[in-house]
């Protein structure tokens, strides 16, 4: 599937104000990710956060990790508005995370729930390796192949989620895996409209080419309730921490 960065940016921008109250899984992942990074160490000279968004991960880092220099990247300029309330001193870098430019080596690259949007994870991980200092760390959360399986089964629309082993394969030439964990979290909603609102408010509707019509929404809700009467939505996160080789 072709992912249009302009559309992703537009949809996430729309969801920003409601994102934190809907991003249940992403909040959980941010906490787990920082916990795993902290096991390696809590002192990092230069940190780059990929996809800073509304600052869920930034907040966890600021509370638990010490650093000298902090660089935060996001497609959306509005991200800086949220980060200004969290970080005292940092540099915001707006733009495509796969093409980010820095003139200094980093000790830690960290990202929460972003890497699933990358077109070529192997190529991007190789590039990130070049940004890291010797023994630098990359830590990220993403999602595996059964993520949003209900949506894919019902509509055929999905990101090309990788398996855990495929992600490891994409990293192996440049990184040594220190930690990897995968789990499943199934959210339940009172009705399909509530589920649709959850998806919209976490920016994932960036996959659709156009807004659903009233008729399409009604049809979606009827089909969803028939196929998944408990109104479930499956998340399959994976957390990876790796060292540059």
C-alpha atoms as a PDB file:
ATOM      1  CA  UNK A   1       0.000   0.000   0.000  1.00  0.00           C
ATOM      2  CA  UNK A   2       1.287   3.468  -0.904  1.00  0.00           C
ATOM      3  CA  UNK A   3       1.345   5.752   2.119  1.00  0.00           C
ATOM      4  CA  UNK A   4       0.974   9.409   1.195  1.00  0.00           C
ATOM      5  CA  UNK A   5       2.892  11.462   3.812  1.00  0.00           C
ATOM      6  CA  UNK A   6       0.728  14.505   3.058  1.00  0.00           C
ATOM      7  CA  UNK A   7      -2.443  12.570   3.866  1.00  0.00           C
ATOM      8  CA  UNK A   8      -0.899  11.051   6.999  1.00  0.00           C
ATOM      9  CA  UNK A   9       0.118  14.529   8.127  1.00  0.00           C
ATOM     10  CA  UNK A  10      -3.350  15.946   7.437  1.00  0.00           C
ATOM     11  CA  UNK A  11      -5.221  13.216   9.307  1.00  0.00           C
ATOM     12  CA  UNK A  12      -2.934  13.182  12.339  1.00  0.00           C
ATOM     13  CA  UNK A  13      -3.083  16.961  12.479  1.00  0.00           C
ATOM     14  CA  UNK A  14      -6.868  16.741  12.704  1.00  0.00           C
ATOM     15  CA  UNK A  15      -6.676  14.174  15.497  1.00  0.00           C
ATOM     16  CA  UNK A  16      -4.087  15.944  17.694  1.00  0.00           C
ATOM     17  CA  UNK A  17      -6.493  17.619  20.128  1.00  0.00           C
ATOM     18  CA  UNK A  18      -8.303  14.350  20.872  1.00  0.00           C
ATOM     19  CA  UNK A  19      -5.311  12.037  20.466  1.00  0.00           C
ATOM     20  CA  UNK A  20      -4.174  11.750  24.102  1.00  0.00           C
ATOM     21  CA  UNK A  21      -7.615  10.833  25.392  1.00  0.00           C
ATOM     22  CA  UNK A  22      -7.956   8.079  22.764  1.00  0.00           C
ATOM     23  CA  UNK A  23      -4.394   6.766  22.498  1.00  0.00           C
ATOM     24  CA  UNK A  24      -4.774   4.154  25.236  1.00  0.00           C
ATOM     25  CA  UNK A  25      -2.370   1.655  23.693  1.00  0.00           C
ATOM     26  CA  UNK A  26       0.155   4.296  22.671  1.00  0.00           C
ATOM     27  CA  UNK A  27       0.334   5.631  26.251  1.00  0.00           C
ATOM     28  CA  UNK A  28       0.936   2.130  27.548  1.00  0.00           C
ATOM     29  CA  UNK A  29       3.629   1.544  24.922  1.00  0.00           C
ATOM     30  CA  UNK A  30       5.434   4.802  25.724  1.00  0.00           C
ATOM     31  CA  UNK A  31       5.744   3.741  29.353  1.00  0.00           C
ATOM     32  CA  UNK A  32       6.889   0.201  28.519  1.00  0.00           C
ATOM     33  CA  UNK A  33       9.400   1.477  25.952  1.00  0.00           C
ATOM     34  CA  UNK A  34      11.065   3.865  28.395  1.00  0.00           C
ATOM     35  CA  UNK A  35      11.141   1.155  31.066  1.00  0.00           C
ATOM     36  CA  UNK A  36      13.108  -1.106  28.715  1.00  0.00           C
ATOM     37  CA  UNK A  37      15.497   1.670  27.680  1.00  0.00           C
ATOM     38  CA  UNK A  38      16.079   2.549  31.349  1.00  0.00           C
ATOM     39  CA  UNK A  39      17.285  -1.009  31.997  1.00  0.00           C
ATOM     40  CA  UNK A  40      20.265  -0.268  29.739  1.00  0.00           C
ATOM     41  CA  UNK A  41      20.910   3.144  31.272  1.00  0.00           C
ATOM     42  CA  UNK A  42      19.237   6.409  32.201  1.00  0.00           C
ATOM     43  CA  UNK A  43      21.971   8.762  30.963  1.00  0.00           C
ATOM     44  CA  UNK A  44      22.179   9.649  27.264  1.00  0.00           C
ATOM     45  CA  UNK A  45      24.107  12.546  25.797  1.00  0.00           C
ATOM     46  CA  UNK A  46      22.120  13.111  22.606  1.00  0.00           C
ATOM     47  CA  UNK A  47      18.598  11.768  22.011  1.00  0.00           C
ATOM     48  CA  UNK A  48      16.468  11.881  18.868  1.00  0.00           C
ATOM     49  CA  UNK A  49      12.754  11.163  19.200  1.00  0.00           C
ATOM     50  CA  UNK A  50      11.040  10.162  15.970  1.00  0.00           C
ATOM     51  CA  UNK A  51       7.362  11.108  15.686  1.00  0.00           C
ATOM     52  CA  UNK A  52       7.008  13.223  18.822  1.00  0.00           C
ATOM     53  CA  UNK A  53       3.317  13.938  18.187  1.00  0.00           C
ATOM     54  CA  UNK A  54       1.503  15.165  21.283  1.00  0.00           C
ATOM     55  CA  UNK A  55       4.394  14.263  23.578  1.00  0.00           C
ATOM     56  CA  UNK A  56       3.267  10.960  25.131  1.00  0.00           C
ATOM     57  CA  UNK A  57       6.762   9.491  24.793  1.00  0.00           C
ATOM     58  CA  UNK A  58       8.524  12.816  25.436  1.00  0.00           C
ATOM     59  CA  UNK A  59       6.791  13.021  28.814  1.00  0.00           C
ATOM     60  CA  UNK A  60       7.968   9.543  29.831  1.00  0.00           C
ATOM     61  CA  UNK A  61      11.522  10.296  28.711  1.00  0.00           C
ATOM     62  CA  UNK A  62      11.659  13.617  30.566  1.00  0.00           C
ATOM     63  CA  UNK A  63      10.579  11.886  33.786  1.00  0.00           C
ATOM     64  CA  UNK A  64      12.867   8.860  33.597  1.00  0.00           C
ATOM     65  CA  UNK A  65      15.914   9.565  31.401  1.00  0.00           C
ATOM     66  CA  UNK A  66      18.670  12.161  31.669  1.00  0.00           C
ATOM     67  CA  UNK A  67      20.109  13.804  28.582  1.00  0.00           C
ATOM     68  CA  UNK A  68      22.256  16.722  27.444  1.00  0.00           C
ATOM     69  CA  UNK A  69      20.696  17.359  24.033  1.00  0.00           C
ATOM     70  CA  UNK A  70      17.207  16.429  22.832  1.00  0.00           C
ATOM     71  CA  UNK A  71      16.002  16.473  19.237  1.00  0.00           C
ATOM     72  CA  UNK A  72      12.317  15.900  18.506  1.00  0.00           C
ATOM     73  CA  UNK A  73      11.013  15.187  15.021  1.00  0.00           C
ATOM     74  CA  UNK A  74       7.477  15.155  13.651  1.00  0.00           C
ATOM     75  CA  UNK A  75       5.720  15.696  10.342  1.00  0.00           C
ATOM     76  CA  UNK A  76       3.355  18.122  12.021  1.00  0.00           C
ATOM     77  CA  UNK A  77       4.589  21.562  13.186  1.00  0.00           C
ATOM     78  CA  UNK A  78       1.881  21.651  15.871  1.00  0.00           C
ATOM     79  CA  UNK A  79       3.791  18.952  17.753  1.00  0.00           C
ATOM     80  CA  UNK A  80       6.084  21.707  19.038  1.00  0.00           C
ATOM     81  CA  UNK A  81       3.129  23.300  20.832  1.00  0.00           C
ATOM     82  CA  UNK A  82       2.753  20.163  22.964  1.00  0.00           C
ATOM     83  CA  UNK A  83       6.480  19.609  23.477  1.00  0.00           C
ATOM     84  CA  UNK A  84       6.995  23.171  24.727  1.00  0.00           C
ATOM     85  CA  UNK A  85       4.872  22.220  27.744  1.00  0.00           C
ATOM     86  CA  UNK A  86       6.967  19.123  28.458  1.00  0.00           C
ATOM     87  CA  UNK A  87      10.601  19.809  27.562  1.00  0.00           C
ATOM     88  CA  UNK A  88      12.630  22.740  28.873  1.00  0.00           C
ATOM     89  CA  UNK A  89      15.350  22.607  26.249  1.00  0.00           C
ATOM     90  CA  UNK A  90      15.187  20.816  22.906  1.00  0.00           C
ATOM     91  CA  UNK A  91      15.380  21.290  19.153  1.00  0.00           C
ATOM     92  CA  UNK A  92      12.326  20.574  17.033  1.00  0.00           C
ATOM     93  CA  UNK A  93      12.931  19.147  13.558  1.00  0.00           C
ATOM     94  CA  UNK A  94       9.840  19.189  11.361  1.00  0.00           C
ATOM     95  CA  UNK A  95       9.668  16.841   8.386  1.00  0.00           C
ATOM     96  CA  UNK A  96       9.819  13.268   7.111  1.00  0.00           C
ATOM     97  CA  UNK A  97      11.544  11.093   9.736  1.00  0.00           C
ATOM     98  CA  UNK A  98      13.054   8.895   7.032  1.00  0.00           C
ATOM     99  CA  UNK A  99      15.022  11.853   5.641  1.00  0.00           C
ATOM    100  CA  UNK A 100      16.043  13.614   8.841  1.00  0.00           C
ATOM    101  CA  UNK A 101      19.417  15.395   8.798  1.00  0.00           C
ATOM    102  CA  UNK A 102      21.722  15.932  11.779  1.00  0.00           C
ATOM    103  CA  UNK A 103      25.336  17.055  11.869  1.00  0.00           C
ATOM    104  CA  UNK A 104      26.187  15.177  15.074  1.00  0.00           C
ATOM    105  CA  UNK A 105      26.115  11.587  16.258  1.00  0.00           C
ATOM    106  CA  UNK A 106      23.369  10.416  18.592  1.00  0.00           C
ATOM    107  CA  UNK A 107      23.381   8.012  21.535  1.00  0.00           C
ATOM    108  CA  UNK A 108      19.705   7.084  21.414  1.00  0.00           C
ATOM    109  CA  UNK A 109      17.036   7.093  18.718  1.00  0.00           C
ATOM    110  CA  UNK A 110      13.612   6.367  20.178  1.00  0.00           C
ATOM    111  CA  UNK A 111      10.125   6.231  18.699  1.00  0.00           C
ATOM    112  CA  UNK A 112       6.648   5.182  19.758  1.00  0.00           C
ATOM    113  CA  UNK A 113       4.086   3.729  17.330  1.00  0.00           C
ATOM    114  CA  UNK A 114       5.582   5.283  14.189  1.00  0.00           C
ATOM    115  CA  UNK A 115       7.751   2.729  12.372  1.00  0.00           C
ATOM    116  CA  UNK A 116       4.718   0.900  10.899  1.00  0.00           C
ATOM    117  CA  UNK A 117       4.268   3.911   8.583  1.00  0.00           C
ATOM    118  CA  UNK A 118       7.732   3.532   7.039  1.00  0.00           C
ATOM    119  CA  UNK A 119       7.819   2.297   3.447  1.00  0.00           C
ATOM    120  CA  UNK A 120      11.145   0.461   3.811  1.00  0.00           C
ATOM    121  CA  UNK A 121      12.118  -0.378   7.396  1.00  0.00           C
ATOM    122  CA  UNK A 122      15.370  -2.077   6.360  1.00  0.00           C
ATOM    123  CA  UNK A 123      16.561   0.981   4.460  1.00  0.00           C
ATOM    124  CA  UNK A 124      15.431   3.373   7.205  1.00  0.00           C
ATOM    125  CA  UNK A 125      17.072   1.338   9.985  1.00  0.00           C
ATOM    126  CA  UNK A 126      20.341   1.371   8.036  1.00  0.00           C
ATOM    127  CA  UNK A 127      20.078   5.155   7.767  1.00  0.00           C
ATOM    128  CA  UNK A 128      19.363   5.510  11.486  1.00  0.00           C
ATOM    129  CA  UNK A 129      22.413   3.377  12.205  1.00  0.00           C
ATOM    130  CA  UNK A 130      24.513   5.990  10.395  1.00  0.00           C
ATOM    131  CA  UNK A 131      23.126   8.684  12.731  1.00  0.00           C
ATOM    132  CA  UNK A 132      24.148   6.785  15.858  1.00  0.00           C
ATOM    133  CA  UNK A 133      27.457   6.863  17.672  1.00  0.00           C
ATOM    134  CA  UNK A 134      29.389   3.652  18.369  1.00  0.00           C
ATOM    135  CA  UNK A 135      27.211   1.318  20.485  1.00  0.00           C
ATOM    136  CA  UNK A 136      24.277   3.718  20.041  1.00  0.00           C
ATOM    137  CA  UNK A 137      20.798   2.463  20.875  1.00  0.00           C
ATOM    138  CA  UNK A 138      17.635   2.363  18.813  1.00  0.00           C
ATOM    139  CA  UNK A 139      14.394   1.709  20.698  1.00  0.00           C
ATOM    140  CA  UNK A 140      10.932   1.679  19.218  1.00  0.00           C
ATOM    141  CA  UNK A 141       7.448   0.273  19.407  1.00  0.00           C
ATOM    142  CA  UNK A 142       5.405  -0.694  16.386  1.00  0.00           C
ATOM    143  CA  UNK A 143       2.722  -3.250  15.492  1.00  0.00           C
ATOM    144  CA  UNK A 144       2.747  -6.733  13.981  1.00  0.00           C
ATOM    145  CA  UNK A 145       0.643  -8.443  11.349  1.00  0.00           C
ATOM    146  CA  UNK A 146      -2.597  -9.004  13.294  1.00  0.00           C
ATOM    147  CA  UNK A 147      -2.952  -5.369  14.303  1.00  0.00           C
ATOM    148  CA  UNK A 148      -6.459  -4.080  13.485  1.00  0.00           C
ATOM    149  CA  UNK A 149      -7.246  -7.499  12.045  1.00  0.00           C
ATOM    150  CA  UNK A 150     -10.980  -6.829  12.315  1.00  0.00           C
ATOM    151  CA  UNK A 151     -10.705  -3.790  10.037  1.00  0.00           C
ATOM    152  CA  UNK A 152      -8.606  -5.680   7.507  1.00  0.00           C
ATOM    153  CA  UNK A 153     -10.955  -8.684   7.447  1.00  0.00           C
ATOM    154  CA  UNK A 154     -14.007  -6.470   7.040  1.00  0.00           C
ATOM    155  CA  UNK A 155     -12.712  -3.819   4.613  1.00  0.00           C
ATOM    156  CA  UNK A 156      -9.451  -5.115   3.167  1.00  0.00           C
ATOM    157  CA  UNK A 157      -7.766  -1.865   4.245  1.00  0.00           C
ATOM    158  CA  UNK A 158      -4.562  -2.203   6.253  1.00  0.00           C
ATOM    159  CA  UNK A 159      -0.979  -1.122   6.566  1.00  0.00           C
ATOM    160  CA  UNK A 160       1.535  -3.769   5.545  1.00  0.00           C
ATOM    161  CA  UNK A 161       2.339  -4.789   9.103  1.00  0.00           C
ATOM    162  CA  UNK A 162       5.369  -7.027   9.466  1.00  0.00           C
ATOM    163  CA  UNK A 163       5.800 -10.073  11.684  1.00  0.00           C
ATOM    164  CA  UNK A 164       8.176  -9.846  14.617  1.00  0.00           C
ATOM    165  CA  UNK A 165      10.684 -12.008  12.721  1.00  0.00           C
ATOM    166  CA  UNK A 166      10.476  -9.779   9.638  1.00  0.00           C
ATOM    167  CA  UNK A 167      11.257  -6.728  11.767  1.00  0.00           C
ATOM    168  CA  UNK A 168      14.269  -8.498  13.273  1.00  0.00           C
ATOM    169  CA  UNK A 169      15.394  -9.461   9.766  1.00  0.00           C
ATOM    170  CA  UNK A 170      15.223  -5.807   8.671  1.00  0.00           C
ATOM    171  CA  UNK A 171      17.428  -4.763  11.602  1.00  0.00           C
ATOM    172  CA  UNK A 172      19.984  -7.572  11.733  1.00  0.00           C
ATOM    173  CA  UNK A 173      22.599  -6.087   9.377  1.00  0.00           C
ATOM    174  CA  UNK A 174      23.003  -2.966  11.507  1.00  0.00           C
ATOM    175  CA  UNK A 175      21.739  -3.794  14.996  1.00  0.00           C
ATOM    176  CA  UNK A 176      22.003  -6.409  17.715  1.00  0.00           C
ATOM    177  CA  UNK A 177      18.656  -7.045  19.419  1.00  0.00           C
ATOM    178  CA  UNK A 178      18.843  -6.461  23.187  1.00  0.00           C
ATOM    179  CA  UNK A 179      15.143  -6.751  23.961  1.00  0.00           C
ATOM    180  CA  UNK A 180      12.056  -7.764  22.020  1.00  0.00           C
ATOM    181  CA  UNK A 181       8.562  -8.353  23.361  1.00  0.00           C
ATOM    182  CA  UNK A 182       5.252  -8.804  21.602  1.00  0.00           C
ATOM    183  CA  UNK A 183       1.773  -8.903  23.069  1.00  0.00           C
ATOM    184  CA  UNK A 184      -1.909  -8.505  22.244  1.00  0.00           C
ATOM    185  CA  UNK A 185      -4.382  -5.987  23.613  1.00  0.00           C
ATOM    186  CA  UNK A 186      -8.042  -6.171  22.589  1.00  0.00           C
ATOM    187  CA  UNK A 187     -10.147  -3.066  23.121  1.00  0.00           C
ATOM    188  CA  UNK A 188     -13.919  -3.293  23.397  1.00  0.00           C
ATOM    189  CA  UNK A 189     -16.397  -0.588  22.409  1.00  0.00           C
ATOM    190  CA  UNK A 190     -20.076  -0.092  23.115  1.00  0.00           C
ATOM    191  CA  UNK A 191     -20.883   0.252  19.402  1.00  0.00           C
ATOM    192  CA  UNK A 192     -19.140   0.499  15.995  1.00  0.00           C
ATOM    193  CA  UNK A 193     -19.530   4.305  15.884  1.00  0.00           C
ATOM    194  CA  UNK A 194     -17.481   4.588  19.071  1.00  0.00           C
ATOM    195  CA  UNK A 195     -14.847   2.350  17.489  1.00  0.00           C
ATOM    196  CA  UNK A 196     -14.775   4.526  14.357  1.00  0.00           C
ATOM    197  CA  UNK A 197     -14.313   7.626  16.513  1.00  0.00           C
ATOM    198  CA  UNK A 198     -11.400   5.926  18.290  1.00  0.00           C
ATOM    199  CA  UNK A 199      -9.731   5.179  14.957  1.00  0.00           C
ATOM    200  CA  UNK A 200     -10.321   8.716  13.687  1.00  0.00           C
ATOM    201  CA  UNK A 201      -8.998  10.317  16.866  1.00  0.00           C
ATOM    202  CA  UNK A 202      -5.773   8.323  16.761  1.00  0.00           C
ATOM    203  CA  UNK A 203      -5.053   9.306  13.149  1.00  0.00           C
ATOM    204  CA  UNK A 204      -5.299   5.826  11.665  1.00  0.00           C
ATOM    205  CA  UNK A 205      -7.979   6.860   9.177  1.00  0.00           C
ATOM    206  CA  UNK A 206      -5.079   8.285   7.163  1.00  0.00           C
ATOM    207  CA  UNK A 207      -5.316   4.989   5.281  1.00  0.00           C
ATOM    208  CA  UNK A 208      -8.684   5.781   3.693  1.00  0.00           C
ATOM    209  CA  UNK A 209      -8.759   7.698   0.429  1.00  0.00           C
ATOM    210  CA  UNK A 210     -11.851   9.746   1.278  1.00  0.00           C
ATOM    211  CA  UNK A 211     -14.288  10.295   4.159  1.00  0.00           C
ATOM    212  CA  UNK A 212     -17.040   7.702   4.508  1.00  0.00           C
ATOM    213  CA  UNK A 213     -20.516   8.726   3.406  1.00  0.00           C
ATOM    214  CA  UNK A 214     -23.466   8.361   5.791  1.00  0.00           C
ATOM    215  CA  UNK A 215     -24.547   5.252   3.871  1.00  0.00           C
ATOM    216  CA  UNK A 216     -21.050   3.746   4.091  1.00  0.00           C
ATOM    217  CA  UNK A 217     -20.832   4.432   7.829  1.00  0.00           C
ATOM    218  CA  UNK A 218     -24.222   2.794   8.391  1.00  0.00           C
ATOM    219  CA  UNK A 219     -23.187  -0.227   6.316  1.00  0.00           C
ATOM    220  CA  UNK A 220     -19.849  -0.485   8.117  1.00  0.00           C
ATOM    221  CA  UNK A 221     -21.566  -0.435  11.514  1.00  0.00           C
ATOM    222  CA  UNK A 222     -24.076  -3.102  10.504  1.00  0.00           C
ATOM    223  CA  UNK A 223     -21.380  -5.373   9.077  1.00  0.00           C
ATOM    224  CA  UNK A 224     -19.043  -4.845  12.031  1.00  0.00           C
ATOM    225  CA  UNK A 225     -21.720  -5.680  14.583  1.00  0.00           C
ATOM    226  CA  UNK A 226     -22.700  -8.781  12.636  1.00  0.00           C
ATOM    227  CA  UNK A 227     -19.135 -10.054  12.291  1.00  0.00           C
ATOM    228  CA  UNK A 228     -17.797  -8.906  15.684  1.00  0.00           C
ATOM    229  CA  UNK A 229     -20.792  -8.692  18.045  1.00  0.00           C
ATOM    230  CA  UNK A 230     -18.534  -7.818  20.998  1.00  0.00           C
ATOM    231  CA  UNK A 231     -17.227  -4.792  19.012  1.00  0.00           C
ATOM    232  CA  UNK A 232     -13.551  -5.587  19.509  1.00  0.00           C
ATOM    233  CA  UNK A 233     -10.446  -4.009  18.006  1.00  0.00           C
ATOM    234  CA  UNK A 234      -7.156  -5.885  18.204  1.00  0.00           C
ATOM    235  CA  UNK A 235      -3.787  -4.246  18.795  1.00  0.00           C
ATOM    236  CA  UNK A 236      -0.602  -6.315  18.505  1.00  0.00           C
ATOM    237  CA  UNK A 237       2.307  -4.143  19.680  1.00  0.00           C
ATOM    238  CA  UNK A 238       5.966  -5.099  19.647  1.00  0.00           C
ATOM    239  CA  UNK A 239       8.743  -3.330  21.548  1.00  0.00           C
ATOM    240  CA  UNK A 240      12.332  -3.538  20.318  1.00  0.00           C
ATOM    241  CA  UNK A 241      15.560  -2.223  21.812  1.00  0.00           C
ATOM    242  CA  UNK A 242      18.748  -2.797  19.807  1.00  0.00           C
ATOM    243  CA  UNK A 243      22.408  -1.748  19.802  1.00  0.00           C
ATOM    244  CA  UNK A 244      24.328  -0.556  16.758  1.00  0.00           C
ATOM    245  CA  UNK A 245      26.925  -3.045  15.505  1.00  0.00           C
END
